[in-house]
Amino acid sequence: MTTERKVIMGWVKVCVAPEIFNSRCDEVLLQREKQYLASLQRSGEILLSGPLADGSAGLVVYDVQSFKEAQHMVEEQPMVRAGLLSVELKEMFAVTYG
């Protein structure tokens, strides 16, 4: 049995020069970012999130009803609000094979 459901994938990238990122990204901001994403994961609005192994980008998979909901979550993300990260959203299908 195969099931499909639509989710929103967020491709996360640093949108400033490395020296700017390093000077503006402190432990307080990192902690706020982690807490924000953890709360969305606990509520079931995020299925998974994390950086690529090489640190060049990250991925977030939102399990929400609409693209607009995911956009709102991105706009509230602390490191996005700080102008350090950008998130490109795309609709995708999560396929489960049973």
C-alpha atoms as a PDB file:
ATOM      1  CA  MET A   1       0.000   0.000   0.000  1.00  0.00           C
ATOM      2  CA  THR A   2       1.361   3.413  -0.996  1.00  0.00           C
ATOM      3  CA  THR A   3       0.160   6.714   0.414  1.00  0.00           C
ATOM      4  CA  GLU A   4       1.004  10.241  -0.688  1.00  0.00           C
ATOM      5  CA  ARG A   5       0.431  13.529   1.042  1.00  0.00           C
ATOM      6  CA  LYS A   6       1.496  17.010   0.197  1.00  0.00           C
ATOM      7  CA  VAL A   7       4.078  18.670   2.450  1.00  0.00           C
ATOM      8  CA  ILE A   8       6.215  21.776   2.087  1.00  0.00           C
ATOM      9  CA  MET A   9       9.984  21.481   1.782  1.00  0.00           C
ATOM     10  CA  GLY A  10      12.158  24.400   2.826  1.00  0.00           C
ATOM     11  CA  TRP A  11      15.663  24.702   1.391  1.00  0.00           C
ATOM     12  CA  VAL A  12      17.621  26.773   3.940  1.00  0.00           C
ATOM     13  CA  LYS A  13      20.666  28.827   2.926  1.00  0.00           C
ATOM     14  CA  VAL A  14      22.877  31.425   4.535  1.00  0.00           C
ATOM     15  CA  CYS A  15      22.131  34.671   2.711  1.00  0.00           C
ATOM     16  CA  VAL A  16      25.028  36.833   3.917  1.00  0.00           C
ATOM     17  CA  ALA A  17      28.802  36.664   3.638  1.00  0.00           C
ATOM     18  CA  PRO A  18      30.464  34.227   6.072  1.00  0.00           C
ATOM     19  CA  GLU A  19      32.134  37.012   8.070  1.00  0.00           C
ATOM     20  CA  ILE A  20      28.777  38.777   8.546  1.00  0.00           C
ATOM     21  CA  PHE A  21      27.099  35.523   9.546  1.00  0.00           C
ATOM     22  CA  ASN A  22      29.843  34.760  12.064  1.00  0.00           C
ATOM     23  CA  SER A  23      29.739  38.245  13.573  1.00  0.00           C
ATOM     24  CA  ARG A  24      25.935  38.341  13.941  1.00  0.00           C
ATOM     25  CA  CYS A  25      25.133  34.739  14.857  1.00  0.00           C
ATOM     26  CA  ASP A  26      25.711  34.379  18.586  1.00  0.00           C
ATOM     27  CA  GLU A  27      24.723  31.670  21.094  1.00  0.00           C
ATOM     28  CA  VAL A  28      21.530  33.501  22.067  1.00  0.00           C
ATOM     29  CA  LEU A  29      20.292  33.621  18.468  1.00  0.00           C
ATOM     30  CA  LEU A  30      21.279  29.988  17.859  1.00  0.00           C
ATOM     31  CA  GLN A  31      19.402  28.922  20.992  1.00  0.00           C
ATOM     32  CA  ARG A  32      16.283  30.863  19.940  1.00  0.00           C
ATOM     33  CA  GLU A  33      16.470  29.232  16.494  1.00  0.00           C
ATOM     34  CA  LYS A  34      16.750  25.728  17.979  1.00  0.00           C
ATOM     35  CA  GLN A  35      13.897  26.369  20.431  1.00  0.00           C
ATOM     36  CA  TYR A  36      11.652  27.708  17.675  1.00  0.00           C
ATOM     37  CA  LEU A  37      12.256  24.734  15.372  1.00  0.00           C
ATOM     38  CA  ALA A  38      11.931  22.278  18.279  1.00  0.00           C
ATOM     39  CA  SER A  39       8.559  23.729  19.246  1.00  0.00           C
ATOM     40  CA  LEU A  40       7.298  23.348  15.659  1.00  0.00           C
ATOM     41  CA  GLN A  41       8.559  19.773  15.583  1.00  0.00           C
ATOM     42  CA  ARG A  42       6.880  18.942  18.910  1.00  0.00           C
ATOM     43  CA  SER A  43       3.588  20.359  17.611  1.00  0.00           C
ATOM     44  CA  GLY A  44       3.866  18.223  14.467  1.00  0.00           C
ATOM     45  CA  GLU A  45       4.195  21.211  12.103  1.00  0.00           C
ATOM     46  CA  ILE A  46       7.732  20.155  11.166  1.00  0.00           C
ATOM     47  CA  LEU A  47       8.474  16.546  10.254  1.00  0.00           C
ATOM     48  CA  LEU A  48      12.252  16.989  10.213  1.00  0.00           C
ATOM     49  CA  SER A  49      14.926  19.629   9.944  1.00  0.00           C
ATOM     50  CA  GLY A  50      18.682  19.787   9.852  1.00  0.00           C
ATOM     51  CA  PRO A  51      21.799  20.880   8.017  1.00  0.00           C
ATOM     52  CA  LEU A  52      23.510  19.060   5.186  1.00  0.00           C
ATOM     53  CA  ALA A  53      26.604  17.171   6.305  1.00  0.00           C
ATOM     54  CA  ASP A  54      28.896  19.702   4.622  1.00  0.00           C
ATOM     55  CA  GLY A  55      27.118  22.646   6.295  1.00  0.00           C
ATOM     56  CA  SER A  56      26.360  24.337   2.976  1.00  0.00           C
ATOM     57  CA  ALA A  57      22.576  24.401   3.428  1.00  0.00           C
ATOM     58  CA  GLY A  58      19.750  22.826   5.386  1.00  0.00           C
ATOM     59  CA  LEU A  59      16.356  21.264   4.932  1.00  0.00           C
ATOM     60  CA  VAL A  60      13.048  21.647   6.755  1.00  0.00           C
ATOM     61  CA  VAL A  61       9.947  19.602   5.926  1.00  0.00           C
ATOM     62  CA  TYR A  62       6.732  21.290   7.088  1.00  0.00           C
ATOM     63  CA  ASP A  63       3.585  19.217   7.633  1.00  0.00           C
ATOM     64  CA  VAL A  64       1.013  22.000   7.342  1.00  0.00           C
ATOM     65  CA  GLN A  65      -2.278  22.568   5.552  1.00  0.00           C
ATOM     66  CA  SER A  66      -1.094  25.347   3.256  1.00  0.00           C
ATOM     67  CA  PHE A  67       1.904  26.970   1.654  1.00  0.00           C
ATOM     68  CA  LYS A  68       0.913  30.193   3.435  1.00  0.00           C
ATOM     69  CA  GLU A  69       1.260  28.506   6.846  1.00  0.00           C
ATOM     70  CA  ALA A  70       4.797  27.430   5.999  1.00  0.00           C
ATOM     71  CA  GLN A  71       5.612  30.959   4.777  1.00  0.00           C
ATOM     72  CA  HIS A  72       4.409  32.382   8.084  1.00  0.00           C
ATOM     73  CA  MET A  73       6.592  29.929  10.034  1.00  0.00           C
ATOM     74  CA  VAL A  74       9.610  30.905   7.953  1.00  0.00           C
ATOM     75  CA  GLU A  75       8.921  34.628   8.505  1.00  0.00           C
ATOM     76  CA  GLU A  76       8.881  34.013  12.277  1.00  0.00           C
ATOM     77  CA  GLN A  77      12.099  31.974  12.282  1.00  0.00           C
ATOM     78  CA  PRO A  78      14.673  33.871  14.384  1.00  0.00           C
ATOM     79  CA  MET A  79      17.619  33.566  11.982  1.00  0.00           C
ATOM     80  CA  VAL A  80      15.447  34.527   9.021  1.00  0.00           C
ATOM     81  CA  ARG A  81      14.162  37.549  10.947  1.00  0.00           C
ATOM     82  CA  ALA A  82      17.789  38.461  11.697  1.00  0.00           C
ATOM     83  CA  GLY A  83      18.528  38.436   7.952  1.00  0.00           C
ATOM     84  CA  LEU A  84      21.037  35.579   8.164  1.00  0.00           C
ATOM     85  CA  LEU A  85      19.095  32.744   6.537  1.00  0.00           C
ATOM     86  CA  SER A  86      16.741  32.460   3.601  1.00  0.00           C
ATOM     87  CA  VAL A  87      14.298  29.622   3.060  1.00  0.00           C
ATOM     88  CA  GLU A  88      13.015  28.644  -0.383  1.00  0.00           C
ATOM     89  CA  LEU A  89       9.726  26.764  -0.072  1.00  0.00           C
ATOM     90  CA  LYS A  90       8.492  24.107  -2.504  1.00  0.00           C
ATOM     91  CA  GLU A  91       5.495  21.808  -2.384  1.00  0.00           C
ATOM     92  CA  MET A  92       6.349  18.129  -2.546  1.00  0.00           C
ATOM     93  CA  PHE A  93       4.708  14.771  -1.988  1.00  0.00           C
ATOM     94  CA  ALA A  94       5.714  12.617   0.956  1.00  0.00           C
ATOM     95  CA  VAL A  95       5.320   9.026  -0.194  1.00  0.00           C
ATOM     96  CA  THR A  96       4.999   6.149   2.255  1.00  0.00           C
ATOM     97  CA  TYR A  97       5.389   2.595   1.018  1.00  0.00           C
ATOM     98  CA  GLY A  98       3.790  -0.075   3.141  1.00  0.00           C
END
